[in-house]
Structures are given as structure tokens and as C-alpha cells.
PDB file of N, CA and C in Angstrom:
ATOM      1  N   UNK A   1      16.972 -18.453   1.561  1.00  0.00           N
ATOM      2  CA  UNK A   1      16.640 -17.603   1.584  1.00  0.00           C
ATOM      3  C   UNK A   1      16.657 -17.383  -0.371  1.00  0.00           C
ATOM      4  N   UNK A   2      15.732 -17.067  -0.990  1.00  0.00           N
ATOM      5  CA  UNK A   2      15.584 -16.761  -2.034  1.00  0.00           C
ATOM      6  C   UNK A   2      15.901 -15.541  -2.696  1.00  0.00           C
ATOM      7  N   UNK A   3      16.546 -15.433  -3.120  1.00  0.00           N
ATOM      8  CA  UNK A   3      15.307 -13.980  -4.216  1.00  0.00           C
ATOM      9  C   UNK A   3      14.848 -13.286  -3.675  1.00  0.00           C
ATOM     10  N   UNK A   4      13.650 -13.352  -4.875  1.00  0.00           N
ATOM     11  CA  UNK A   4      12.422 -13.443  -4.584  1.00  0.00           C
ATOM     12  C   UNK A   4      11.180 -13.375  -3.865  1.00  0.00           C
ATOM     13  N   UNK A   5      11.677 -13.842  -2.526  1.00  0.00           N
ATOM     14  CA  UNK A   5      11.411 -13.944  -1.422  1.00  0.00           C
ATOM     15  C   UNK A   5      11.455 -12.292  -0.302  1.00  0.00           C
ATOM     16  N   UNK A   6      13.055 -11.650  -1.081  1.00  0.00           N
ATOM     17  CA  UNK A   6      12.874 -10.882  -0.863  1.00  0.00           C
ATOM     18  C   UNK A   6      11.993  -9.580  -1.374  1.00  0.00           C
ATOM     19  N   UNK A   7      11.890  -9.554  -3.358  1.00  0.00           N
ATOM     20  CA  UNK A   7      11.407  -9.775  -4.249  1.00  0.00           C
ATOM     21  C   UNK A   7       9.593  -9.188  -3.802  1.00  0.00           C
ATOM     22  N   UNK A   8       9.659 -10.126  -3.156  1.00  0.00           N
ATOM     23  CA  UNK A   8       8.260 -10.273  -2.933  1.00  0.00           C
ATOM     24  C   UNK A   8       7.713  -9.492  -1.276  1.00  0.00           C
ATOM     25  N   UNK A   9       8.975  -8.939  -0.390  1.00  0.00           N
ATOM     26  CA  UNK A   9       8.528  -9.027   0.181  1.00  0.00           C
ATOM     27  C   UNK A   9       8.556  -7.527   0.543  1.00  0.00           C
ATOM     28  N   UNK A  10       9.413  -6.700  -0.493  1.00  0.00           N
ATOM     29  CA  UNK A  10       9.534  -5.074  -0.861  1.00  0.00           C
ATOM     30  C   UNK A  10       8.398  -4.906  -1.771  1.00  0.00           C
ATOM     31  N   UNK A  11       7.582  -6.012  -2.222  1.00  0.00           N
ATOM     32  CA  UNK A  11       6.409  -5.461  -2.189  1.00  0.00           C
ATOM     33  C   UNK A  11       5.253  -5.682  -1.663  1.00  0.00           C
ATOM     34  N   UNK A  12       5.518  -6.304  -0.986  1.00  0.00           N
ATOM     35  CA  UNK A  12       4.339  -6.304   0.421  1.00  0.00           C
ATOM     36  C   UNK A  12       4.502  -5.558   1.083  1.00  0.00           C
ATOM     37  N   UNK A  13       5.314  -4.848   0.964  1.00  0.00           N
ATOM     38  CA  UNK A  13       5.782  -3.363   1.923  1.00  0.00           C
ATOM     39  C   UNK A  13       4.671  -2.198   1.208  1.00  0.00           C
ATOM     40  N   UNK A  14       4.754  -2.148  -0.242  1.00  0.00           N
ATOM     41  CA  UNK A  14       4.701  -1.948  -0.830  1.00  0.00           C
ATOM     42  C   UNK A  14       2.422  -1.707  -0.793  1.00  0.00           C
ATOM     43  N   UNK A  15       2.172  -2.646  -0.876  1.00  0.00           N
ATOM     44  CA  UNK A  15       0.726  -3.183  -0.475  1.00  0.00           C
ATOM     45  C   UNK A  15       0.452  -2.397   0.616  1.00  0.00           C
ATOM     46  N   UNK A  16       0.855  -2.767   1.174  1.00  0.00           N
ATOM     47  CA  UNK A  16       0.962  -2.171   2.869  1.00  0.00           C
ATOM     48  C   UNK A  16       0.191  -1.505   3.613  1.00  0.00           C
ATOM     49  N   UNK A  17       1.572  -0.438   2.684  1.00  0.00           N
ATOM     50  CA  UNK A  17       1.023   1.261   2.864  1.00  0.00           C
ATOM     51  C   UNK A  17       0.132   2.069   2.003  1.00  0.00           C
ATOM     52  N   UNK A  18      -0.058   0.973   0.925  1.00  0.00           N
ATOM     53  CA  UNK A  18      -1.506   1.918  -0.266  1.00  0.00           C
ATOM     54  C   UNK A  18      -2.317   1.440   0.236  1.00  0.00           C
ATOM     55  N   UNK A  19      -2.582   0.379   1.531  1.00  0.00           N
ATOM     56  CA  UNK A  19      -3.793   0.144   2.289  1.00  0.00           C
ATOM     57  C   UNK A  19      -3.979   1.216   2.848  1.00  0.00           C
ATOM     58  N   UNK A  20      -3.296   1.814   4.014  1.00  0.00           N
ATOM     59  CA  UNK A  20      -3.254   2.809   4.835  1.00  0.00           C
ATOM     60  C   UNK A  20      -4.492   4.010   4.395  1.00  0.00           C
ATOM     61  N   UNK A  21      -3.684   4.895   3.518  1.00  0.00           N
ATOM     62  CA  UNK A  21      -4.809   5.633   3.257  1.00  0.00           C
ATOM     63  C   UNK A  21      -6.215   4.937   2.389  1.00  0.00           C
ATOM     64  N   UNK A  22      -6.500   4.138   1.923  1.00  0.00           N
ATOM     65  CA  UNK A  22      -7.403   3.904   0.994  1.00  0.00           C
ATOM     66  C   UNK A  22      -8.932   3.429   2.660  1.00  0.00           C
ATOM     67  N   UNK A  23      -7.744   2.506   3.083  1.00  0.00           N
ATOM     68  CA  UNK A  23      -8.795   2.090   3.809  1.00  0.00           C
ATOM     69  C   UNK A  23      -9.559   2.936   5.163  1.00  0.00           C
ATOM     70  N   UNK A  24      -8.781   3.700   5.668  1.00  0.00           N
ATOM     71  CA  UNK A  24      -8.537   5.682   6.717  1.00  0.00           C
ATOM     72  C   UNK A  24      -9.631   6.015   5.980  1.00  0.00           C
ATOM     73  N   UNK A  25     -10.229   6.596   4.914  1.00  0.00           N
ATOM     74  CA  UNK A  25     -10.575   7.634   4.683  1.00  0.00           C
ATOM     75  C   UNK A  25     -11.463   6.558   3.919  1.00  0.00           C
ATOM     76  N   UNK A  26     -11.910   5.557   3.179  1.00  0.00           N
ATOM     77  CA  UNK A  26     -12.286   4.951   3.211  1.00  0.00           C
ATOM     78  C   UNK A  26     -14.335   4.658   4.671  1.00  0.00           C
ATOM     79  N   UNK A  27     -13.622   4.731   5.406  1.00  0.00           N
ATOM     80  CA  UNK A  27     -13.782   3.951   7.364  1.00  0.00           C
ATOM     81  C   UNK A  27     -14.474   5.189   7.767  1.00  0.00           C
ATOM     82  N   UNK A  28     -14.001   7.002   7.116  1.00  0.00           N
ATOM     83  CA  UNK A  28     -14.210   7.465   7.575  1.00  0.00           C
ATOM     84  C   UNK A  28     -15.421   8.812   7.073  1.00  0.00           C
ATOM     85  N   UNK A  29     -15.878   7.639   5.682  1.00  0.00           N
ATOM     86  CA  UNK A  29     -16.688   8.033   5.054  1.00  0.00           C
ATOM     87  C   UNK A  29     -16.773   8.778   3.919  1.00  0.00           C
ATOM     88  N   UNK A  30     -15.440   9.215   4.305  1.00  0.00           N
ATOM     89  CA  UNK A  30     -14.101  10.279   2.845  1.00  0.00           C
ATOM     90  C   UNK A  30     -14.942   9.514   1.407  1.00  0.00           C
ATOM     91  N   UNK A  31     -15.074  10.157   0.378  1.00  0.00           N
ATOM     92  CA  UNK A  31     -14.666  10.464  -0.836  1.00  0.00           C
ATOM     93  C   UNK A  31     -12.911  10.538  -1.361  1.00  0.00           C
ATOM     94  N   UNK A  32     -12.110   9.672  -2.104  1.00  0.00           N
ATOM     95  CA  UNK A  32     -10.387   9.482  -2.001  1.00  0.00           C
ATOM     96  C   UNK A  32     -10.356   9.152  -3.440  1.00  0.00           C
ATOM     97  N   UNK A  33      -8.881   9.650  -3.995  1.00  0.00           N
ATOM     98  CA  UNK A  33      -9.237   8.589  -5.168  1.00  0.00           C
ATOM     99  C   UNK A  33      -8.591   7.235  -4.806  1.00  0.00           C
ATOM    100  N   UNK A  34      -8.996   6.671  -6.687  1.00  0.00           N
ATOM    101  CA  UNK A  34      -8.276   5.710  -6.975  1.00  0.00           C
ATOM    102  C   UNK A  34      -8.628   4.891  -8.102  1.00  0.00           C
ATOM    103  N   UNK A  35      -7.957   4.174  -7.947  1.00  0.00           N
ATOM    104  CA  UNK A  35      -8.089   3.672  -9.967  1.00  0.00           C
ATOM    105  C   UNK A  35      -9.107   3.349 -10.285  1.00  0.00           C
ATOM    106  N   UNK A  36     -10.055   3.264  -9.470  1.00  0.00           N
ATOM    107  CA  UNK A  36     -10.950   3.199 -10.061  1.00  0.00           C
ATOM    108  C   UNK A  36     -12.321   4.036 -10.271  1.00  0.00           C
ATOM    109  N   UNK A  37     -11.604   5.308  -9.850  1.00  0.00           N
ATOM    110  CA  UNK A  37     -12.751   6.690 -10.279  1.00  0.00           C
ATOM    111  C   UNK A  37     -11.726   7.123 -11.765  1.00  0.00           C
ATOM    112  N   UNK A  38     -12.928   8.338 -11.842  1.00  0.00           N
ATOM    113  CA  UNK A  38     -12.546   9.007 -13.639  1.00  0.00           C
ATOM    114  C   UNK A  38     -12.558  10.486 -13.077  1.00  0.00           C
ATOM    115  N   UNK A  39     -10.763  11.212 -14.212  1.00  0.00           N
ATOM    116  CA  UNK A  39     -10.434   9.603 -14.001  1.00  0.00           C
ATOM    117  C   UNK A  39      -9.288   8.928 -13.191  1.00  0.00           C
ATOM    118  N   UNK A  40      -9.212   7.599 -13.168  1.00  0.00           N
ATOM    119  CA  UNK A  40      -8.351   6.712 -12.650  1.00  0.00           C
ATOM    120  C   UNK A  40      -7.465   7.885 -12.031  1.00  0.00           C
ATOM    121  N   UNK A  41      -7.387   7.937 -10.851  1.00  0.00           N
ATOM    122  CA  UNK A  41      -5.683   8.111  -9.585  1.00  0.00           C
ATOM    123  C   UNK A  41      -6.395   9.386  -9.067  1.00  0.00           C
ATOM    124  N   UNK A  42      -7.349  10.359 -10.418  1.00  0.00           N
ATOM    125  CA  UNK A  42      -7.747  11.191 -10.002  1.00  0.00           C
ATOM    126  C   UNK A  42      -8.788  11.827  -9.232  1.00  0.00           C
ATOM    127  N   UNK A  43      -9.954  11.177 -10.022  1.00  0.00           N
ATOM    128  CA  UNK A  43     -10.895  11.627  -9.715  1.00  0.00           C
ATOM    129  C   UNK A  43     -11.266  10.307  -8.037  1.00  0.00           C
ATOM    130  N   UNK A  44     -12.295  11.088  -7.455  1.00  0.00           N
ATOM    131  CA  UNK A  44     -12.915  10.571  -6.772  1.00  0.00           C
ATOM    132  C   UNK A  44     -14.397   9.439  -6.330  1.00  0.00           C
ATOM    133  N   UNK A  45     -13.459   8.021  -6.183  1.00  0.00           N
ATOM    134  CA  UNK A  45     -14.472   7.480  -5.339  1.00  0.00           C
ATOM    135  C   UNK A  45     -15.031   7.286  -4.183  1.00  0.00           C
ATOM    136  N   UNK A  46     -15.865   6.516  -4.401  1.00  0.00           N
ATOM    137  CA  UNK A  46     -16.859   7.063  -2.997  1.00  0.00           C
ATOM    138  C   UNK A  46     -15.884   6.467  -1.770  1.00  0.00           C
ATOM    139  N   UNK A  47     -16.633   6.038  -0.464  1.00  0.00           N
ATOM    140  CA  UNK A  47     -15.831   5.427   0.663  1.00  0.00           C
ATOM    141  C   UNK A  47     -16.036   4.149   0.268  1.00  0.00           C
ATOM    142  N   UNK A  48     -17.368   3.610   0.309  1.00  0.00           N
ATOM    143  CA  UNK A  48     -16.865   1.813  -0.419  1.00  0.00           C
ATOM    144  C   UNK A  48     -16.130   1.083  -0.637  1.00  0.00           C
ATOM    145  N   UNK A  49     -16.231   1.815  -1.707  1.00  0.00           N
ATOM    146  CA  UNK A  49     -15.103   2.293  -3.148  1.00  0.00           C
ATOM    147  C   UNK A  49     -12.916   1.473  -1.940  1.00  0.00           C
ATOM    148  N   UNK A  50     -13.350   2.987  -1.461  1.00  0.00           N
ATOM    149  CA  UNK A  50     -12.351   2.775  -0.611  1.00  0.00           C
ATOM    150  C   UNK A  50     -11.221   1.903   0.234  1.00  0.00           C
ATOM    151  N   UNK A  51     -13.178   1.851   0.626  1.00  0.00           N
ATOM    152  CA  UNK A  51     -12.691  -0.081   1.966  1.00  0.00           C
ATOM    153  C   UNK A  51     -12.469  -1.012   0.799  1.00  0.00           C
ATOM    154  N   UNK A  52     -12.706  -1.131   0.180  1.00  0.00           N
ATOM    155  CA  UNK A  52     -12.408  -2.983  -0.624  1.00  0.00           C
ATOM    156  C   UNK A  52     -11.147  -3.100  -0.907  1.00  0.00           C
ATOM    157  N   UNK A  53     -10.940  -1.675  -2.039  1.00  0.00           N
ATOM    158  CA  UNK A  53      -9.351  -1.373  -2.371  1.00  0.00           C
ATOM    159  C   UNK A  53      -8.649  -1.638  -1.014  1.00  0.00           C
ATOM    160  N   UNK A  54      -9.290  -0.656   0.285  1.00  0.00           N
ATOM    161  CA  UNK A  54      -7.571  -0.379   0.895  1.00  0.00           C
ATOM    162  C   UNK A  54      -7.764  -2.133   1.523  1.00  0.00           C
ATOM    163  N   UNK A  55      -8.785  -3.428   1.665  1.00  0.00           N
ATOM    164  CA  UNK A  55      -8.901  -4.022   1.899  1.00  0.00           C
ATOM    165  C   UNK A  55      -8.430  -5.096   0.683  1.00  0.00           C
ATOM    166  N   UNK A  56      -7.828  -4.990  -0.115  1.00  0.00           N
ATOM    167  CA  UNK A  56      -7.363  -5.890  -0.987  1.00  0.00           C
ATOM    168  C   UNK A  56      -6.661  -5.762  -1.448  1.00  0.00           C
ATOM    169  N   UNK A  57      -5.893  -4.778  -0.542  1.00  0.00           N
ATOM    170  CA  UNK A  57      -4.350  -4.014  -0.334  1.00  0.00           C
ATOM    171  C   UNK A  57      -3.682  -4.559   0.631  1.00  0.00           C
ATOM    172  N   UNK A  58      -4.790  -4.512   2.013  1.00  0.00           N
ATOM    173  CA  UNK A  58      -4.100  -6.013   3.447  1.00  0.00           C
ATOM    174  C   UNK A  58      -4.126  -7.306   2.625  1.00  0.00           C
ATOM    175  N   UNK A  59      -4.815  -7.782   1.759  1.00  0.00           N
ATOM    176  CA  UNK A  59      -4.426  -8.961   1.503  1.00  0.00           C
ATOM    177  C   UNK A  59      -2.890  -9.260   0.330  1.00  0.00           C
ATOM    178  N   UNK A  60      -3.849  -8.429   0.186  1.00  0.00           N
ATOM    179  CA  UNK A  60      -2.849  -9.003  -0.945  1.00  0.00           C
ATOM    180  C   UNK A  60      -1.044  -9.443  -0.354  1.00  0.00           C
ATOM    181  N   UNK A  61      -0.787  -7.282   0.711  1.00  0.00           N
ATOM    182  CA  UNK A  61       0.663  -7.966   1.372  1.00  0.00           C
ATOM    183  C   UNK A  61       0.238  -8.484   2.496  1.00  0.00           C
ATOM    184  N   UNK A  62      -0.288  -8.958   2.691  1.00  0.00           N
ATOM    185  CA  UNK A  62      -0.590 -10.567   4.056  1.00  0.00           C
ATOM    186  C   UNK A  62       0.221 -11.549   3.006  1.00  0.00           C
ATOM    187  N   UNK A  63      -0.267 -11.991   1.893  1.00  0.00           N
ATOM    188  CA  UNK A  63      -0.081 -12.718   0.624  1.00  0.00           C
ATOM    189  C   UNK A  63       1.286 -13.020   0.134  1.00  0.00           C
ATOM    190  N   UNK A  64       1.892 -11.368   0.187  1.00  0.00           N
ATOM    191  CA  UNK A  64       3.348 -11.826  -0.153  1.00  0.00           C
ATOM    192  C   UNK A  64       4.380 -11.519   1.366  1.00  0.00           C
ATOM    193  N   UNK A  65       3.667 -11.101   2.310  1.00  0.00           N
ATOM    194  CA  UNK A  65       4.675 -10.985   3.480  1.00  0.00           C
ATOM    195  C   UNK A  65       4.695 -12.110   3.780  1.00  0.00           C
ATOM    196  N   UNK A  66       3.198 -13.008   4.610  1.00  0.00           N
ATOM    197  CA  UNK A  66       2.957 -13.271   5.691  1.00  0.00           C
ATOM    198  C   UNK A  66       2.853 -15.164   4.700  1.00  0.00           C
ATOM    199  N   UNK A  67       3.041 -15.039   3.064  1.00  0.00           N
ATOM    200  CA  UNK A  67       2.337 -15.911   2.273  1.00  0.00           C
ATOM    201  C   UNK A  67       4.263 -17.077   1.990  1.00  0.00           C
ATOM    202  N   UNK A  68       4.851 -15.866   1.536  1.00  0.00           N
ATOM    203  CA  UNK A  68       5.838 -16.680   0.759  1.00  0.00           C
ATOM    204  C   UNK A  68       6.469 -16.307   1.485  1.00  0.00           C
ATOM    205  N   UNK A  69       7.994 -17.384   1.003  1.00  0.00           N
ATOM    206  CA  UNK A  69       9.113 -17.818   1.930  1.00  0.00           C
ATOM    207  C   UNK A  69       8.387 -17.554   3.285  1.00  0.00           C
ATOM    208  N   UNK A  70       9.776 -17.787   4.603  1.00  0.00           N
ATOM    209  CA  UNK A  70       8.989 -17.582   5.874  1.00  0.00           C
ATOM    210  C   UNK A  70      10.060 -15.950   6.631  1.00  0.00           C
ATOM    211  N   UNK A  71       9.255 -15.345   6.177  1.00  0.00           N
ATOM    212  CA  UNK A  71       9.340 -13.741   6.847  1.00  0.00           C
ATOM    213  C   UNK A  71       9.603 -13.958   8.795  1.00  0.00           C
ATOM    214  N   UNK A  72      10.986 -12.912   8.838  1.00  0.00           N
ATOM    215  CA  UNK A  72      11.063 -13.200  10.183  1.00  0.00           C
ATOM    216  C   UNK A  72      11.359 -11.720  10.743  1.00  0.00           C
ATOM    217  N   UNK A  73      10.696 -11.427  11.582  1.00  0.00           N
ATOM    218  CA  UNK A  73       9.888  -9.921  11.906  1.00  0.00           C
ATOM    219  C   UNK A  73      11.525  -9.487  13.115  1.00  0.00           C
ATOM    220  N   UNK A  74      13.182 -10.521  13.388  1.00  0.00           N
ATOM    221  CA  UNK A  74      13.720 -10.408  13.911  1.00  0.00           C
ATOM    222  C   UNK A  74      15.241 -10.679  13.210  1.00  0.00           C
ATOM    223  N   UNK A  75      14.988 -10.725  11.479  1.00  0.00           N
ATOM    224  CA  UNK A  75      16.101 -10.837  10.528  1.00  0.00           C
ATOM    225  C   UNK A  75      15.563  -9.377   9.890  1.00  0.00           C
ATOM    226  N   UNK A  76      17.144  -8.992  10.274  1.00  0.00           N
ATOM    227  CA  UNK A  76      17.416  -7.915   9.962  1.00  0.00           C
ATOM    228  C   UNK A  76      16.900  -7.313   7.913  1.00  0.00           C
ATOM    229  N   UNK A  77      17.323  -8.384   7.732  1.00  0.00           N
ATOM    230  CA  UNK A  77      17.819  -7.975   6.362  1.00  0.00           C
ATOM    231  C   UNK A  77      15.756  -7.918   5.668  1.00  0.00           C
ATOM    232  N   UNK A  78      15.286  -8.728   6.163  1.00  0.00           N
ATOM    233  CA  UNK A  78      13.687  -8.813   5.617  1.00  0.00           C
ATOM    234  C   UNK A  78      13.406  -8.027   6.568  1.00  0.00           C
ATOM    235  N   UNK A  79      13.368  -7.725   7.466  1.00  0.00           N
ATOM    236  CA  UNK A  79      12.847  -5.958   8.104  1.00  0.00           C
ATOM    237  C   UNK A  79      13.565  -5.352   6.939  1.00  0.00           C
ATOM    238  N   UNK A  80      14.492  -5.137   6.292  1.00  0.00           N
ATOM    239  CA  UNK A  80      14.702  -3.857   5.675  1.00  0.00           C
ATOM    240  C   UNK A  80      14.681  -3.271   4.051  1.00  0.00           C
ATOM    241  N   UNK A  81      14.108  -5.156   3.677  1.00  0.00           N
ATOM    242  CA  UNK A  81      13.487  -5.395   2.290  1.00  0.00           C
ATOM    243  C   UNK A  81      12.414  -4.494   2.844  1.00  0.00           C
ATOM    244  N   UNK A  82      11.611  -5.473   3.666  1.00  0.00           N
ATOM    245  CA  UNK A  82      10.362  -4.746   3.989  1.00  0.00           C
ATOM    246  C   UNK A  82      10.090  -3.133   3.651  1.00  0.00           C
ATOM    247  N   UNK A  83      10.980  -2.502   4.958  1.00  0.00           N
ATOM    248  CA  UNK A  83      11.084  -1.370   5.130  1.00  0.00           C
ATOM    249  C   UNK A  83      11.078  -0.177   3.965  1.00  0.00           C
ATOM    250  N   UNK A  84      11.953  -0.481   3.159  1.00  0.00           N
ATOM    251  CA  UNK A  84      12.773   0.077   1.954  1.00  0.00           C
ATOM    252  C   UNK A  84      11.163  -0.016   0.864  1.00  0.00           C
ATOM    253  N   UNK A  85      10.592  -1.145   1.215  1.00  0.00           N
ATOM    254  CA  UNK A  85       9.645  -0.984   0.288  1.00  0.00           C
ATOM    255  C   UNK A  85       8.236   0.117   0.793  1.00  0.00           C
ATOM    256  N   UNK A  86       7.804  -0.009   1.709  1.00  0.00           N
ATOM    257  CA  UNK A  86       7.079   0.697   2.848  1.00  0.00           C
ATOM    258  C   UNK A  86       7.145   2.587   2.556  1.00  0.00           C
ATOM    259  N   UNK A  87       8.410   3.039   2.344  1.00  0.00           N
ATOM    260  CA  UNK A  87       9.605   3.360   2.336  1.00  0.00           C
ATOM    261  C   UNK A  87       8.961   3.932   0.980  1.00  0.00           C
ATOM    262  N   UNK A  88       9.231   3.624  -0.054  1.00  0.00           N
ATOM    263  CA  UNK A  88       8.959   4.027  -1.122  1.00  0.00           C
ATOM    264  C   UNK A  88       7.650   3.986  -1.803  1.00  0.00           C
ATOM    265  N   UNK A  89       7.024   3.066  -1.204  1.00  0.00           N
ATOM    266  CA  UNK A  89       5.080   3.515  -1.302  1.00  0.00           C
ATOM    267  C   UNK A  89       4.608   4.351  -0.627  1.00  0.00           C
ATOM    268  N   UNK A  90       5.595   5.053   0.321  1.00  0.00           N
ATOM    269  CA  UNK A  90       4.866   5.707   1.261  1.00  0.00           C
ATOM    270  C   UNK A  90       5.425   7.224   0.539  1.00  0.00           C
ATOM    271  N   UNK A  91       6.766   7.658  -0.252  1.00  0.00           N
ATOM    272  CA  UNK A  91       7.387   9.135  -1.154  1.00  0.00           C
ATOM    273  C   UNK A  91       6.197   8.677  -1.798  1.00  0.00           C
ATOM    274  N   UNK A  92       5.724   7.926  -3.282  1.00  0.00           N
ATOM    275  CA  UNK A  92       5.594   7.811  -4.087  1.00  0.00           C
ATOM    276  C   UNK A  92       3.851   8.720  -3.789  1.00  0.00           C
ATOM    277  N   UNK A  93       3.414   8.113  -2.426  1.00  0.00           N
ATOM    278  CA  UNK A  93       1.165   8.538  -2.809  1.00  0.00           C
ATOM    279  C   UNK A  93       1.993  10.316  -2.213  1.00  0.00           C
ATOM    280  N   UNK A  94       3.162  10.638  -1.175  1.00  0.00           N
ATOM    281  CA  UNK A  94       3.378  11.784  -0.719  1.00  0.00           C
ATOM    282  C   UNK A  94       3.216  12.598  -2.171  1.00  0.00           C
ATOM    283  N   UNK A  95       3.967  11.715  -2.738  1.00  0.00           N
ATOM    284  CA  UNK A  95       4.091  13.179  -3.880  1.00  0.00           C
ATOM    285  C   UNK A  95       2.299  13.162  -4.844  1.00  0.00           C
ATOM    286  N   UNK A  96       2.255  11.755  -4.929  1.00  0.00           N
ATOM    287  CA  UNK A  96       1.040  12.138  -5.910  1.00  0.00           C
ATOM    288  C   UNK A  96      -0.426  12.305  -5.158  1.00  0.00           C
ATOM    289  N   UNK A  97      -0.103  12.142  -3.901  1.00  0.00           N
ATOM    290  CA  UNK A  97      -2.066  12.709  -2.830  1.00  0.00           C
ATOM    291  C   UNK A  97      -1.836  14.308  -3.307  1.00  0.00           C
ATOM    292  N   UNK A  98      -0.237  14.517  -2.784  1.00  0.00           N
ATOM    293  CA  UNK A  98       0.267  15.947  -2.728  1.00  0.00           C
ATOM    294  C   UNK A  98      -0.141  17.389  -4.341  1.00  0.00           C
ATOM    295  N   UNK A  99      -0.479  16.298  -4.669  1.00  0.00           N
ATOM    296  CA  UNK A  99      -0.514  17.030  -5.495  1.00  0.00           C
ATOM    297  C   UNK A  99      -1.888  17.941  -5.414  1.00  0.00           C
ATOM    298  N   UNK A 100      -3.347  16.686  -4.851  1.00  0.00           N
ATOM    299  CA  UNK A 100      -4.578  17.453  -5.112  1.00  0.00           C
ATOM    300  C   UNK A 100      -4.797  18.224  -3.301  1.00  0.00           C
ATOM    301  N   UNK A 101      -4.093  17.849  -2.671  1.00  0.00           N
ATOM    302  CA  UNK A 101      -4.022  17.913  -1.825  1.00  0.00           C
ATOM    303  C   UNK A 101      -2.840  19.706  -1.042  1.00  0.00           C
ATOM    304  N   UNK A 102      -2.009  19.682  -1.486  1.00  0.00           N
ATOM    305  CA  UNK A 102      -1.452  20.968  -1.959  1.00  0.00           C
ATOM    306  C   UNK A 102       0.213  20.853  -0.868  1.00  0.00           C
ATOM    307  N   UNK A 103       0.578  19.161  -0.945  1.00  0.00           N
ATOM    308  CA  UNK A 103       1.296  18.531   0.275  1.00  0.00           C
ATOM    309  C   UNK A 103       2.327  18.758  -0.873  1.00  0.00           C
ATOM    310  N   UNK A 104       2.723  18.928  -2.402  1.00  0.00           N
ATOM    311  CA  UNK A 104       3.888  18.601  -2.943  1.00  0.00           C
ATOM    312  C   UNK A 104       3.680  19.774  -3.828  1.00  0.00           C
TER     313      UNK A 104
END
């Protein structure tokens, strides 16, 4: 296993976790922060923008996890690196969105 496969799995976890709030909020029909709002990351984007942004994040996560190297869910090192990437993005999103919704 090459080192850049682990980097790919780590960032695949980032994109996977980032897809969830955008996609879920979008399909429920609510506006939500996105990089395409004004100001970026703070203003609200319409639901359809968040559905597209979440879908793009899912696609990038798939490419990074499923198409780079040979990700094996039974290898603890692969799952650990992916999990650390997921946890890192989850904590960053909690802090970022917590400013707007009273979480932090």
C-alpha cells in the first residue's frame, strides 16, 4: 500500500462527512450554508444548491475511497485513516455550523 492511498482515504472521509449535512438539509427543502452563498460559508444557499453540493461531495468521496488504491473495510489501517478523516471533518463542521446554530 502506497502512502498516498492513505492520504486519499483520509480526504475521502472529509468529503463523505461534508456531503451529509448539505445533502440532507437540501432534500428536506431548507436553505443552508455553502461555499456558493454570499458571503461564502456564511450566507444561505437554496436547497437545490445544497443537494448538488452534497452529491458532488459524495462523488468525490467515492473516487477517493473506492477508486484510489484498494480500500478494504477489513483492514484496520484503512478504516482507521478513513475514520480519522471523518472525525476531523465532523469536528470542523460542528465548530463552523455551531456558530450559526448555537452549538459552540
